[in-house]
C-alpha cells in the first residue's frame, strides 16, 4: 500500500524539486482521491455531505467538478509552498473540500449549521450561523498551520492545504456560481 501511495500522491519535495511534469500533473489529481484510512475518508465525506450539495446546486454538476478540482490543485500547491522539503505524501480531499467550505461561506453565510457542542459533560446540537462555524474553522486552520511551521508534531495534517483551498473557494466561487435570487439564506 505504501508503494501505491508514494507512486500516486504528491510528495512536496519531489514537486518542488522537479517542477510541474506530466507525472506531477497527474499526481495533483490522484492525491485528492487517496486517503489514510476509513476515518480519513468518512470525516472528509461528512463535510462534503453537509456543505457540498448546496454549493453544487448553485454551480451545476460540471462547474462544481471543475471548481472542486481547481480548489484542490490550489490547496495542494499551497501545501507544497509551505512544506517544500517534506518527504511525506500529501493525500486526501480536504483541500478541495475546504474550497467548497469557502464557497459555502460566500453563498450561504446566514445558513444554520447543526453543530455538536460539548459543554463539560453535556452534549447538545445547536444551530450556528455558517459565517461563525466556518470562521472558527478557518481560524483553527491558521493557528495550526502557523504552529506547524515551527513544531514538527503539528505537521501530520495539511493545514496549509486547508487554508489555500478555503481562500481559493472564497475567491473563485463567483466565477462558478450561477445567479439566484434566493442567495441570502
Protein backbone atom coordinates (compact mmCIF):
# COMPACT_ATOMS: atom_id res chain seq x y z
CA UNK A 1 0.00 0.00 0.00
CA UNK A 2 2.83 2.43 0.81
CA UNK A 3 4.30 1.86 -2.65
CA UNK A 4 0.95 2.75 -4.24
CA UNK A 5 0.62 5.92 -2.13
CA UNK A 6 4.18 7.02 -2.89
CA UNK A 7 3.68 6.46 -6.62
CA UNK A 8 0.32 8.30 -6.87
CA UNK A 9 0.40 11.04 -4.21
CA UNK A 10 2.03 14.44 -4.33
CA UNK A 11 5.26 14.46 -2.38
CA UNK A 12 6.18 18.11 -1.74
CA UNK A 13 9.95 17.61 -2.08
CA UNK A 14 9.51 15.91 -5.48
CA UNK A 15 7.13 18.57 -6.81
CA UNK A 16 9.30 21.40 -5.50
CA UNK A 17 12.49 19.93 -6.97
CA UNK A 18 11.36 18.57 -10.36
CA UNK A 19 8.64 21.11 -11.09
CA UNK A 20 5.40 20.53 -12.93
CA UNK A 21 5.96 17.46 -15.11
CA UNK A 22 3.21 15.34 -16.69
CA UNK A 23 3.58 12.86 -13.82
CA UNK A 24 3.21 15.63 -11.24
CA UNK A 25 0.10 16.96 -13.01
CA UNK A 26 -1.49 13.52 -12.75
CA UNK A 27 -0.49 13.27 -9.08
CA UNK A 28 -2.20 16.62 -8.38
CA UNK A 29 -5.47 14.85 -9.20
CA UNK A 30 -4.87 11.37 -7.83
CA UNK A 31 -3.65 12.70 -4.48
CA UNK A 32 -7.16 14.08 -3.82
CA UNK A 33 -8.67 10.61 -4.09
CA UNK A 34 -6.23 8.80 -1.80
CA UNK A 35 -6.89 8.62 1.94
CA UNK A 36 -5.15 7.33 5.02
CA UNK A 37 -7.94 5.04 6.24
CA UNK A 38 -11.69 4.90 6.79
CA UNK A 39 -11.80 7.65 9.40
CA UNK A 40 -9.99 9.97 7.00
CA UNK A 41 -12.47 9.18 4.20
CA UNK A 42 -15.55 9.43 6.45
CA UNK A 43 -14.53 12.74 8.04
CA UNK A 44 -13.95 14.27 4.59
CA UNK A 45 -17.26 12.88 3.33
CA UNK A 46 -19.11 14.31 6.34
CA UNK A 47 -18.01 17.84 5.46
CA UNK A 48 -18.78 17.23 1.79
CA UNK A 49 -22.23 15.88 2.66
CA UNK A 50 -23.07 18.87 4.88
CA UNK A 51 -21.78 21.64 2.62
CA UNK A 52 -21.21 20.21 -0.86
CA UNK A 53 -24.74 19.65 -2.12
CA UNK A 54 -25.76 23.27 -1.61
CA UNK A 55 -22.68 24.57 -3.41
CA UNK A 56 -23.17 22.06 -6.23
CA UNK A 57 -26.80 23.10 -6.64
CA UNK A 58 -25.66 26.72 -7.17
CA UNK A 59 -22.94 25.76 -9.67
CA UNK A 60 -24.34 22.78 -11.52
CA UNK A 61 -22.60 19.43 -11.78
CA UNK A 62 -19.88 20.25 -14.32
CA UNK A 63 -18.97 23.66 -12.91
CA UNK A 64 -18.88 22.15 -9.43
CA UNK A 65 -16.50 19.40 -10.55
CA UNK A 66 -14.16 21.91 -12.19
CA UNK A 67 -14.36 24.19 -9.12
CA UNK A 68 -13.68 21.25 -6.77
CA UNK A 69 -10.63 20.09 -8.73
CA UNK A 70 -9.27 23.62 -9.18
CA UNK A 71 -9.50 24.44 -5.47
CA UNK A 72 -7.92 21.06 -4.74
CA UNK A 73 -4.99 21.88 -7.02
CA UNK A 74 -4.54 25.28 -5.39
CA UNK A 75 -4.74 23.67 -1.95
CA UNK A 76 -2.06 21.12 -2.86
CA UNK A 77 0.26 23.77 -4.28
CA UNK A 78 -0.24 25.92 -1.18
CA UNK A 79 0.78 22.98 1.00
CA UNK A 80 3.87 22.38 -1.14
CA UNK A 81 4.86 26.07 -0.93
CA UNK A 82 4.77 25.93 2.88
CA UNK A 83 6.38 22.47 3.14
CA UNK A 84 8.75 22.20 0.14
CA UNK A 85 11.18 19.87 1.92
CA UNK A 86 8.59 17.37 3.13
CA UNK A 87 9.04 13.79 2.00
CA UNK A 88 5.61 12.81 3.34
CA UNK A 89 2.96 12.10 0.73
CA UNK A 90 0.04 14.51 0.69
CA UNK A 91 -3.21 12.57 0.50
CA UNK A 92 -6.86 13.37 0.91
CA UNK A 93 -9.64 15.56 -0.37
CA UNK A 94 -9.68 18.06 2.47
CA UNK A 95 -8.02 20.86 0.48
CA UNK A 96 -10.70 20.64 -2.21
CA UNK A 97 -13.40 20.30 0.43
CA UNK A 98 -12.00 23.41 2.11
CA UNK A 99 -12.61 25.14 -1.23
CA UNK A 100 -16.24 24.03 -1.01
CA UNK A 101 -16.39 25.43 2.55
CA UNK A 102 -15.07 28.78 1.32
CA UNK A 103 -17.72 28.82 -1.41
CA UNK A 104 -20.42 27.93 1.11
CA UNK A 105 -19.33 30.81 3.33
CA UNK A 106 -19.84 33.27 0.47
CA UNK A 107 -23.07 31.74 -0.88
CA UNK A 108 -24.82 30.91 2.41
CA UNK A 109 -23.32 32.99 5.24
CA UNK A 110 -26.58 33.06 7.24
CA UNK A 111 -27.44 29.39 6.84
CA UNK A 112 -27.51 27.45 10.09
CA UNK A 113 -25.13 24.56 10.60
CA UNK A 114 -26.29 21.98 13.15
CA UNK A 115 -23.26 21.58 15.38
CA UNK A 116 -22.42 19.09 18.10
CA UNK A 117 -21.28 21.16 21.10
CA UNK A 118 -19.63 19.67 24.17
CA UNK A 119 -20.28 21.61 27.38
CA UNK A 120 -18.40 19.74 30.08
CA UNK A 121 -20.46 16.53 30.43
CA UNK A 122 -23.42 17.82 28.41
CA UNK A 123 -23.67 17.35 24.68
CA UNK A 124 -26.02 19.50 22.64
CA UNK A 125 -26.78 20.04 19.00
CA UNK A 126 -27.23 23.73 18.28
CA UNK A 127 -27.66 25.68 15.05
CA UNK A 128 -24.72 28.01 14.42
CA UNK A 129 -24.62 30.52 11.54
CA UNK A 130 -22.31 29.33 8.78
CA UNK A 131 -20.25 32.52 8.98
CA UNK A 132 -19.40 31.74 12.62
CA UNK A 133 -18.92 27.98 12.16
CA UNK A 134 -16.69 28.36 9.10
CA UNK A 135 -14.93 31.43 10.50
CA UNK A 136 -13.92 29.47 13.62
CA UNK A 137 -12.90 26.50 11.48
CA UNK A 138 -10.67 28.76 9.36
CA UNK A 139 -9.07 30.42 12.40
CA UNK A 140 -8.22 26.95 13.77
CA UNK A 141 -6.59 26.03 10.45
CA UNK A 142 -4.45 29.18 10.54
CA UNK A 143 -3.41 28.64 14.17
CA UNK A 144 -2.49 25.02 13.47
CA UNK A 145 -0.76 25.93 10.20
CA UNK A 146 1.40 28.53 11.90
CA UNK A 147 2.17 26.10 14.73
CA UNK A 148 3.21 23.52 12.13
CA UNK A 149 5.83 25.86 10.72
CA UNK A 150 7.88 25.51 13.89
CA UNK A 151 6.56 22.35 15.55
CA UNK A 152 7.18 19.10 13.68
CA UNK A 153 4.45 17.28 15.67
CA UNK A 154 1.76 19.58 14.20
CA UNK A 155 2.60 18.58 10.62
CA UNK A 156 0.50 15.39 10.37
CA UNK A 157 -2.42 17.36 8.91
CA UNK A 158 -2.11 19.52 5.80
CA UNK A 159 -3.39 22.73 7.40
CA UNK A 160 -1.87 24.89 4.65
CA UNK A 161 -3.80 22.88 2.07
CA UNK A 162 -6.97 23.65 4.03
CA UNK A 163 -6.08 27.35 4.15
CA UNK A 164 -5.20 27.53 0.45
CA UNK A 165 -8.32 25.63 -0.59
CA UNK A 166 -10.60 27.76 1.59
CA UNK A 167 -9.19 31.04 0.25
CA UNK A 168 -9.38 29.70 -3.32
CA UNK A 169 -13.02 28.79 -2.74
CA UNK A 170 -13.81 32.29 -1.49
CA UNK A 171 -12.04 33.92 -4.44
CA UNK A 172 -13.34 31.62 -7.19
CA UNK A 173 -16.94 30.97 -6.15
CA UNK A 174 -18.40 33.94 -8.03
CA UNK A 175 -16.86 32.68 -11.28
CA UNK A 176 -18.61 29.32 -10.92
CA UNK A 177 -21.89 30.02 -9.08
CA UNK A 178 -24.98 30.67 -11.12
CA UNK A 179 -27.04 33.70 -10.12
CA UNK A 180 -30.05 33.01 -7.89
CA UNK A 181 -32.49 35.42 -6.28
CA UNK A 182 -32.64 33.46 -3.04
CA UNK A 183 -28.90 33.62 -2.29
CA UNK A 184 -29.35 35.29 1.11
CA UNK A 185 -30.12 32.16 3.16
